[in-house]
Amino acid sequence: MEEKNRKPFMDIDFFEDLTGEIPAETPRGVDDVGQRIRKIREEKGLALEELSRLTGFDVQFLSSLEKNEAQPQLGTVIKLSKALDSAFGRLVSGVGEKLYSITRKGEQQTVARSTSQKGTKQAYTYKSLAPEVKGRHMESLIVHLEERQDTERSVHEGEEFIVVYAGRVEVTYGTEVYELEAGDSIYYNSIVPHHVSTLDDTTAAIYAVLYIPE
């Protein structure tokens, strides 16, 4: 049996120097997600009832997202981007105008998400690392996972690559369950049901790159 205090494969302090700690703060950019959902929906001429039929989310939940009374999880944003025929990145961090992007750690955009459609307890926060790139096909994020949450799985098109840089993480992929520590990584096809959470009742942090086809 592994010792919980075993020294990680990689030095966590190195990653903290590289990315900066992710403090428990009031996230910036949260309002923008709901505003972008509403703006794109209205541009498409869709009523909330129509968007509800397209996504399977109830009208009350969609309305709460647009009013910033709840923050959507990743799988929710992906479903909304498909239903709205809009790039996933546009909903997450907006439309960029540059061919490349250098994001200083103090400029990272932070967005909070709730644990479920009915929940308001924060499950995790993420920081977008390249929001200014125009027409990007990948989203690179620093994700801070809060204490262990429910095991609702996500299923969507695309691919994901995750590197753990602090704490311990449990990844459920299909019927398999993997325990990852700082320095461990996993790459998978997102069409298989998957779930990422902290392994212990503590926080953890990961670096994630997501490719979501339009």
C-alpha atoms as a PDB file:
ATOM      1  CA  MET A   1       0.000   0.000   0.000  1.00  0.00           C
ATOM      2  CA  GLU A   2       1.380   3.417  -0.957  1.00  0.00           C
ATOM      3  CA  GLU A   3       2.233   5.946   1.684  1.00  0.00           C
ATOM      4  CA  LYS A   4       0.113   9.079   1.479  1.00  0.00           C
ATOM      5  CA  ASN A   5       3.096  11.254   2.269  1.00  0.00           C
ATOM      6  CA  ARG A   6       5.273   9.776  -0.461  1.00  0.00           C
ATOM      7  CA  LYS A   7       7.268  12.471  -2.268  1.00  0.00           C
ATOM      8  CA  PRO A   8       5.619  13.263  -5.635  1.00  0.00           C
ATOM      9  CA  PHE A   9       7.430  12.348  -8.851  1.00  0.00           C
ATOM     10  CA  MET A  10       7.620  16.061  -9.698  1.00  0.00           C
ATOM     11  CA  ASP A  11       8.287  18.939  -7.365  1.00  0.00           C
ATOM     12  CA  ILE A  12       4.961  20.685  -6.674  1.00  0.00           C
ATOM     13  CA  ASP A  13       6.805  23.875  -5.767  1.00  0.00           C
ATOM     14  CA  PHE A  14       8.063  24.025  -9.348  1.00  0.00           C
ATOM     15  CA  PHE A  15       4.514  24.093 -10.690  1.00  0.00           C
ATOM     16  CA  GLU A  16       3.446  26.670  -8.114  1.00  0.00           C
ATOM     17  CA  ASP A  17       6.272  28.895  -9.316  1.00  0.00           C
ATOM     18  CA  LEU A  18       5.224  28.286 -12.911  1.00  0.00           C
ATOM     19  CA  THR A  19       1.478  28.783 -12.604  1.00  0.00           C
ATOM     20  CA  GLY A  20       0.953  30.468  -9.266  1.00  0.00           C
ATOM     21  CA  GLU A  21      -1.286  29.094  -6.534  1.00  0.00           C
ATOM     22  CA  ILE A  22      -5.017  29.014  -7.211  1.00  0.00           C
ATOM     23  CA  PRO A  23      -6.462  30.760  -4.154  1.00  0.00           C
ATOM     24  CA  ALA A  24     -10.014  30.544  -2.903  1.00  0.00           C
ATOM     25  CA  GLU A  25     -11.160  33.791  -4.461  1.00  0.00           C
ATOM     26  CA  THR A  26     -14.231  35.324  -5.980  1.00  0.00           C
ATOM     27  CA  PRO A  27     -13.807  34.154  -9.580  1.00  0.00           C
ATOM     28  CA  ARG A  28     -13.460  36.661 -12.365  1.00  0.00           C
ATOM     29  CA  GLY A  29     -15.346  36.055 -15.589  1.00  0.00           C
ATOM     30  CA  VAL A  30     -18.205  34.075 -14.070  1.00  0.00           C
ATOM     31  CA  ASP A  31     -20.800  36.604 -15.220  1.00  0.00           C
ATOM     32  CA  ASP A  32     -19.431  36.435 -18.747  1.00  0.00           C
ATOM     33  CA  VAL A  33     -20.325  32.764 -19.203  1.00  0.00           C
ATOM     34  CA  GLY A  34     -24.031  33.342 -18.559  1.00  0.00           C
ATOM     35  CA  GLN A  35     -23.976  36.493 -20.655  1.00  0.00           C
ATOM     36  CA  ARG A  36     -22.354  34.671 -23.560  1.00  0.00           C
ATOM     37  CA  ILE A  37     -24.921  31.872 -23.388  1.00  0.00           C
ATOM     38  CA  ARG A  38     -27.779  34.363 -23.477  1.00  0.00           C
ATOM     39  CA  LYS A  39     -26.195  36.461 -26.252  1.00  0.00           C
ATOM     40  CA  ILE A  40     -25.591  33.482 -28.549  1.00  0.00           C
ATOM     41  CA  ARG A  41     -29.050  32.056 -27.834  1.00  0.00           C
ATOM     42  CA  GLU A  42     -30.656  35.358 -28.742  1.00  0.00           C
ATOM     43  CA  GLU A  43     -28.487  35.668 -31.863  1.00  0.00           C
ATOM     44  CA  LYS A  44     -29.825  32.269 -32.933  1.00  0.00           C
ATOM     45  CA  GLY A  45     -33.376  33.413 -32.237  1.00  0.00           C
ATOM     46  CA  LEU A  46     -33.935  30.607 -29.737  1.00  0.00           C
ATOM     47  CA  ALA A  47     -36.267  30.829 -26.768  1.00  0.00           C
ATOM     48  CA  LEU A  48     -35.238  29.156 -23.516  1.00  0.00           C
ATOM     49  CA  GLU A  49     -37.896  26.503 -24.165  1.00  0.00           C
ATOM     50  CA  GLU A  50     -36.283  25.635 -27.507  1.00  0.00           C
ATOM     51  CA  LEU A  51     -32.811  25.445 -25.969  1.00  0.00           C
ATOM     52  CA  SER A  52     -34.264  23.209 -23.277  1.00  0.00           C
ATOM     53  CA  ARG A  53     -35.545  20.778 -25.909  1.00  0.00           C
ATOM     54  CA  LEU A  54     -32.176  20.761 -27.672  1.00  0.00           C
ATOM     55  CA  THR A  55     -30.117  20.102 -24.551  1.00  0.00           C
ATOM     56  CA  GLY A  56     -32.416  18.257 -22.161  1.00  0.00           C
ATOM     57  CA  PHE A  57     -31.797  20.905 -19.470  1.00  0.00           C
ATOM     58  CA  ASP A  58     -34.908  22.358 -17.871  1.00  0.00           C
ATOM     59  CA  VAL A  59     -35.833  25.980 -18.519  1.00  0.00           C
ATOM     60  CA  GLN A  60     -35.349  27.027 -14.896  1.00  0.00           C
ATOM     61  CA  PHE A  61     -31.782  25.724 -14.898  1.00  0.00           C
ATOM     62  CA  LEU A  62     -30.945  27.454 -18.188  1.00  0.00           C
ATOM     63  CA  SER A  63     -32.411  30.692 -16.872  1.00  0.00           C
ATOM     64  CA  SER A  64     -30.309  30.412 -13.708  1.00  0.00           C
ATOM     65  CA  LEU A  65     -27.179  30.011 -15.839  1.00  0.00           C
ATOM     66  CA  GLU A  66     -27.932  33.131 -17.845  1.00  0.00           C
ATOM     67  CA  LYS A  67     -28.598  35.095 -14.652  1.00  0.00           C
ATOM     68  CA  ASN A  68     -25.404  33.749 -13.057  1.00  0.00           C
ATOM     69  CA  GLU A  69     -27.366  32.106 -10.260  1.00  0.00           C
ATOM     70  CA  ALA A  70     -25.533  28.858 -11.089  1.00  0.00           C
ATOM     71  CA  GLN A  71     -22.343  28.117 -12.993  1.00  0.00           C
ATOM     72  CA  PRO A  72     -22.249  25.312 -15.559  1.00  0.00           C
ATOM     73  CA  GLN A  73     -19.944  22.331 -15.382  1.00  0.00           C
ATOM     74  CA  LEU A  74     -17.758  21.459 -18.341  1.00  0.00           C
ATOM     75  CA  GLY A  75     -20.125  18.843 -19.745  1.00  0.00           C
ATOM     76  CA  THR A  76     -22.971  21.349 -19.556  1.00  0.00           C
ATOM     77  CA  VAL A  77     -20.995  23.958 -21.512  1.00  0.00           C
ATOM     78  CA  ILE A  78     -20.144  21.383 -24.176  1.00  0.00           C
ATOM     79  CA  LYS A  79     -23.819  20.427 -24.612  1.00  0.00           C
ATOM     80  CA  LEU A  80     -24.781  24.081 -24.837  1.00  0.00           C
ATOM     81  CA  SER A  81     -22.071  24.807 -27.421  1.00  0.00           C
ATOM     82  CA  LYS A  82     -23.379  21.958 -29.586  1.00  0.00           C
ATOM     83  CA  ALA A  83     -26.997  23.053 -29.257  1.00  0.00           C
ATOM     84  CA  LEU A  84     -26.102  26.666 -30.023  1.00  0.00           C
ATOM     85  CA  ASP A  85     -23.874  25.648 -32.940  1.00  0.00           C
ATOM     86  CA  SER A  86     -21.089  27.650 -31.334  1.00  0.00           C
ATOM     87  CA  ALA A  87     -17.456  26.885 -30.584  1.00  0.00           C
ATOM     88  CA  PHE A  88     -16.901  25.541 -27.080  1.00  0.00           C
ATOM     89  CA  GLY A  89     -14.152  28.102 -26.469  1.00  0.00           C
ATOM     90  CA  ARG A  90     -16.478  30.992 -27.262  1.00  0.00           C
ATOM     91  CA  LEU A  91     -18.721  30.037 -24.345  1.00  0.00           C
ATOM     92  CA  VAL A  92     -15.819  29.292 -22.006  1.00  0.00           C
ATOM     93  CA  SER A  93     -13.641  32.354 -22.516  1.00  0.00           C
ATOM     94  CA  GLY A  94     -14.923  34.349 -25.455  1.00  0.00           C
ATOM     95  CA  VAL A  95     -13.699  35.005 -28.999  1.00  0.00           C
ATOM     96  CA  GLY A  96     -10.022  35.781 -29.408  1.00  0.00           C
ATOM     97  CA  GLU A  97      -8.454  38.065 -31.997  1.00  0.00           C
ATOM     98  CA  LYS A  98      -4.798  36.933 -31.996  1.00  0.00           C
ATOM     99  CA  LEU A  99      -2.777  34.276 -33.828  1.00  0.00           C
ATOM    100  CA  TYR A 100      -0.968  33.381 -30.617  1.00  0.00           C
ATOM    101  CA  SER A 101      -1.267  34.153 -26.932  1.00  0.00           C
ATOM    102  CA  ILE A 102       1.090  34.593 -24.000  1.00  0.00           C
ATOM    103  CA  THR A 103      -0.911  34.543 -20.786  1.00  0.00           C
ATOM    104  CA  ARG A 104       0.791  35.846 -17.656  1.00  0.00           C
ATOM    105  CA  LYS A 105      -0.292  34.104 -14.475  1.00  0.00           C
ATOM    106  CA  GLY A 106      -1.897  37.300 -13.206  1.00  0.00           C
ATOM    107  CA  GLU A 107      -4.007  37.512 -16.376  1.00  0.00           C
ATOM    108  CA  GLN A 108      -5.573  34.038 -16.205  1.00  0.00           C
ATOM    109  CA  GLN A 109      -9.381  34.141 -16.442  1.00  0.00           C
ATOM    110  CA  THR A 110     -11.072  32.290 -13.605  1.00  0.00           C
ATOM    111  CA  VAL A 111     -14.538  30.720 -13.825  1.00  0.00           C
ATOM    112  CA  ALA A 112     -16.431  28.799 -11.109  1.00  0.00           C
ATOM    113  CA  ARG A 113     -18.879  25.954 -11.738  1.00  0.00           C
ATOM    114  CA  SER A 114     -21.481  24.252  -9.589  1.00  0.00           C
ATOM    115  CA  THR A 115     -21.555  20.564  -8.707  1.00  0.00           C
ATOM    116  CA  SER A 116     -24.789  19.724 -10.506  1.00  0.00           C
ATOM    117  CA  GLN A 117     -27.827  21.222 -12.189  1.00  0.00           C
ATOM    118  CA  LYS A 118     -29.564  21.598  -8.834  1.00  0.00           C
ATOM    119  CA  GLY A 119     -26.489  22.355  -6.763  1.00  0.00           C
ATOM    120  CA  THR A 120     -24.754  25.619  -6.048  1.00  0.00           C
ATOM    121  CA  LYS A 121     -21.778  24.305  -4.081  1.00  0.00           C
ATOM    122  CA  GLN A 122     -18.553  24.983  -5.922  1.00  0.00           C
ATOM    123  CA  ALA A 123     -17.005  21.845  -7.425  1.00  0.00           C
ATOM    124  CA  TYR A 124     -13.983  23.357  -9.095  1.00  0.00           C
ATOM    125  CA  THR A 125     -12.550  26.481 -10.660  1.00  0.00           C
ATOM    126  CA  TYR A 126     -10.512  26.807 -13.805  1.00  0.00           C
ATOM    127  CA  LYS A 127      -8.227  29.372 -15.362  1.00  0.00           C
ATOM    128  CA  SER A 128      -8.199  29.751 -19.139  1.00  0.00           C
ATOM    129  CA  LEU A 129      -4.662  30.015 -20.506  1.00  0.00           C
ATOM    130  CA  ALA A 130      -5.186  31.096 -24.120  1.00  0.00           C
ATOM    131  CA  PRO A 131      -8.478  32.996 -24.437  1.00  0.00           C
ATOM    132  CA  GLU A 132      -7.084  35.510 -26.923  1.00  0.00           C
ATOM    133  CA  VAL A 133      -6.308  33.046 -29.740  1.00  0.00           C
ATOM    134  CA  LYS A 134      -8.730  33.355 -32.651  1.00  0.00           C
ATOM    135  CA  GLY A 135     -10.342  30.181 -34.031  1.00  0.00           C
ATOM    136  CA  ARG A 136      -8.603  27.926 -31.513  1.00  0.00           C
ATOM    137  CA  HIS A 137      -9.495  24.234 -31.562  1.00  0.00           C
ATOM    138  CA  MET A 138      -8.185  23.435 -28.073  1.00  0.00           C
ATOM    139  CA  GLU A 139      -8.799  24.869 -24.610  1.00  0.00           C
ATOM    140  CA  SER A 140      -5.906  24.827 -22.146  1.00  0.00           C
ATOM    141  CA  LEU A 141      -6.894  25.213 -18.500  1.00  0.00           C
ATOM    142  CA  ILE A 142      -5.539  25.164 -14.983  1.00  0.00           C
ATOM    143  CA  VAL A 143      -8.219  23.475 -12.872  1.00  0.00           C
ATOM    144  CA  HIS A 144      -8.500  23.612  -9.083  1.00  0.00           C
ATOM    145  CA  LEU A 145     -10.635  20.727  -7.798  1.00  0.00           C
ATOM    146  CA  GLU A 146     -12.471  21.279  -4.538  1.00  0.00           C
ATOM    147  CA  GLU A 147     -13.146  18.525  -1.997  1.00  0.00           C
ATOM    148  CA  ARG A 148     -14.573  15.289  -3.366  1.00  0.00           C
ATOM    149  CA  GLN A 149     -17.937  15.754  -5.067  1.00  0.00           C
ATOM    150  CA  ASP A 150     -20.548  13.515  -6.704  1.00  0.00           C
ATOM    151  CA  THR A 151     -19.622  10.974  -9.383  1.00  0.00           C
ATOM    152  CA  GLU A 152     -21.760  12.261 -12.249  1.00  0.00           C
ATOM    153  CA  ARG A 153     -19.919  11.320 -15.441  1.00  0.00           C
ATOM    154  CA  SER A 154     -19.383  13.398 -18.541  1.00  0.00           C
ATOM    155  CA  VAL A 155     -19.739  12.119 -22.113  1.00  0.00           C
ATOM    156  CA  HIS A 156     -18.963  14.252 -25.164  1.00  0.00           C
ATOM    157  CA  GLU A 157     -17.003  14.300 -28.393  1.00  0.00           C
ATOM    158  CA  GLY A 158     -13.349  15.252 -28.249  1.00  0.00           C
ATOM    159  CA  GLU A 159     -10.137  14.389 -26.449  1.00  0.00           C
ATOM    160  CA  GLU A 160      -8.597  15.430 -23.139  1.00  0.00           C
ATOM    161  CA  PHE A 161      -5.079  15.456 -21.719  1.00  0.00           C
ATOM    162  CA  ILE A 162      -4.613  15.970 -17.978  1.00  0.00           C
ATOM    163  CA  VAL A 163      -1.493  16.421 -15.852  1.00  0.00           C
ATOM    164  CA  VAL A 164      -1.801  16.428 -12.051  1.00  0.00           C
ATOM    165  CA  TYR A 165       0.468  18.985 -10.415  1.00  0.00           C
ATOM    166  CA  ALA A 166      -0.838  19.122  -6.850  1.00  0.00           C
ATOM    167  CA  GLY A 167      -2.762  16.709  -4.651  1.00  0.00           C
ATOM    168  CA  ARG A 168      -4.172  13.319  -5.632  1.00  0.00           C
ATOM    169  CA  VAL A 169      -6.804  12.760  -8.300  1.00  0.00           C
ATOM    170  CA  GLU A 170      -9.184   9.918  -9.143  1.00  0.00           C
ATOM    171  CA  VAL A 171     -10.096   9.421 -12.799  1.00  0.00           C
ATOM    172  CA  THR A 172     -12.981   7.128 -13.678  1.00  0.00           C
ATOM    173  CA  TYR A 173     -12.845   6.157 -17.350  1.00  0.00           C
ATOM    174  CA  GLY A 174     -15.425   3.685 -18.558  1.00  0.00           C
ATOM    175  CA  THR A 175     -15.252   0.788 -16.091  1.00  0.00           C
ATOM    176  CA  GLU A 176     -11.717   1.587 -14.964  1.00  0.00           C
ATOM    177  CA  VAL A 177     -10.660   3.757 -12.017  1.00  0.00           C
ATOM    178  CA  TYR A 178      -7.184   5.282 -11.811  1.00  0.00           C
ATOM    179  CA  GLU A 179      -5.420   7.090  -8.972  1.00  0.00           C
ATOM    180  CA  LEU A 180      -3.058   9.837 -10.114  1.00  0.00           C
ATOM    181  CA  GLU A 181      -0.498  11.801  -8.129  1.00  0.00           C
ATOM    182  CA  ALA A 182       1.515  14.935  -8.899  1.00  0.00           C
ATOM    183  CA  GLY A 183       3.468  14.335 -12.097  1.00  0.00           C
ATOM    184  CA  ASP A 184       1.076  11.643 -13.414  1.00  0.00           C
ATOM    185  CA  SER A 185      -0.925  12.267 -16.582  1.00  0.00           C
ATOM    186  CA  ILE A 186      -3.722  10.717 -18.631  1.00  0.00           C
ATOM    187  CA  TYR A 187      -4.903  11.159 -22.233  1.00  0.00           C
ATOM    188  CA  TYR A 188      -8.305   9.854 -23.302  1.00  0.00           C
ATOM    189  CA  ASN A 189     -11.152  10.032 -25.794  1.00  0.00           C
ATOM    190  CA  SER A 190     -13.987  11.952 -24.164  1.00  0.00           C
ATOM    191  CA  ILE A 191     -16.732   9.901 -25.843  1.00  0.00           C
ATOM    192  CA  VAL A 192     -16.182   7.304 -23.096  1.00  0.00           C
ATOM    193  CA  PRO A 193     -17.995   8.205 -19.830  1.00  0.00           C
ATOM    194  CA  HIS A 194     -15.461   9.830 -17.510  1.00  0.00           C
ATOM    195  CA  HIS A 195     -15.165  11.704 -14.252  1.00  0.00           C
ATOM    196  CA  VAL A 196     -12.286  13.528 -12.560  1.00  0.00           C
ATOM    197  CA  SER A 197     -12.283  14.346  -8.845  1.00  0.00           C
ATOM    198  CA  THR A 198      -9.987  14.637  -5.862  1.00  0.00           C
ATOM    199  CA  LEU A 199      -8.946  11.317  -4.393  1.00  0.00           C
ATOM    200  CA  ASP A 200      -9.053  12.489  -0.794  1.00  0.00           C
ATOM    201  CA  ASP A 201     -11.306  14.982   0.963  1.00  0.00           C
ATOM    202  CA  THR A 202      -8.829  17.696   0.059  1.00  0.00           C
ATOM    203  CA  THR A 203      -8.188  19.935  -2.921  1.00  0.00           C
ATOM    204  CA  ALA A 204      -6.100  19.105  -5.978  1.00  0.00           C
ATOM    205  CA  ALA A 205      -4.934  20.922  -9.085  1.00  0.00           C
ATOM    206  CA  ILE A 206      -4.509  19.781 -12.676  1.00  0.00           C
ATOM    207  CA  TYR A 207      -3.424  21.176 -16.012  1.00  0.00           C
ATOM    208  CA  ALA A 208      -5.868  20.170 -18.758  1.00  0.00           C
ATOM    209  CA  VAL A 209      -5.926  20.491 -22.549  1.00  0.00           C
ATOM    210  CA  LEU A 210      -9.266  19.799 -24.227  1.00  0.00           C
ATOM    211  CA  TYR A 211     -10.013  19.347 -27.907  1.00  0.00           C
ATOM    212  CA  ILE A 212     -13.719  19.711 -28.634  1.00  0.00           C
ATOM    213  CA  PRO A 213     -14.645  19.346 -32.339  1.00  0.00           C
ATOM    214  CA  GLU A 214     -17.223  21.794 -33.638  1.00  0.00           C
END
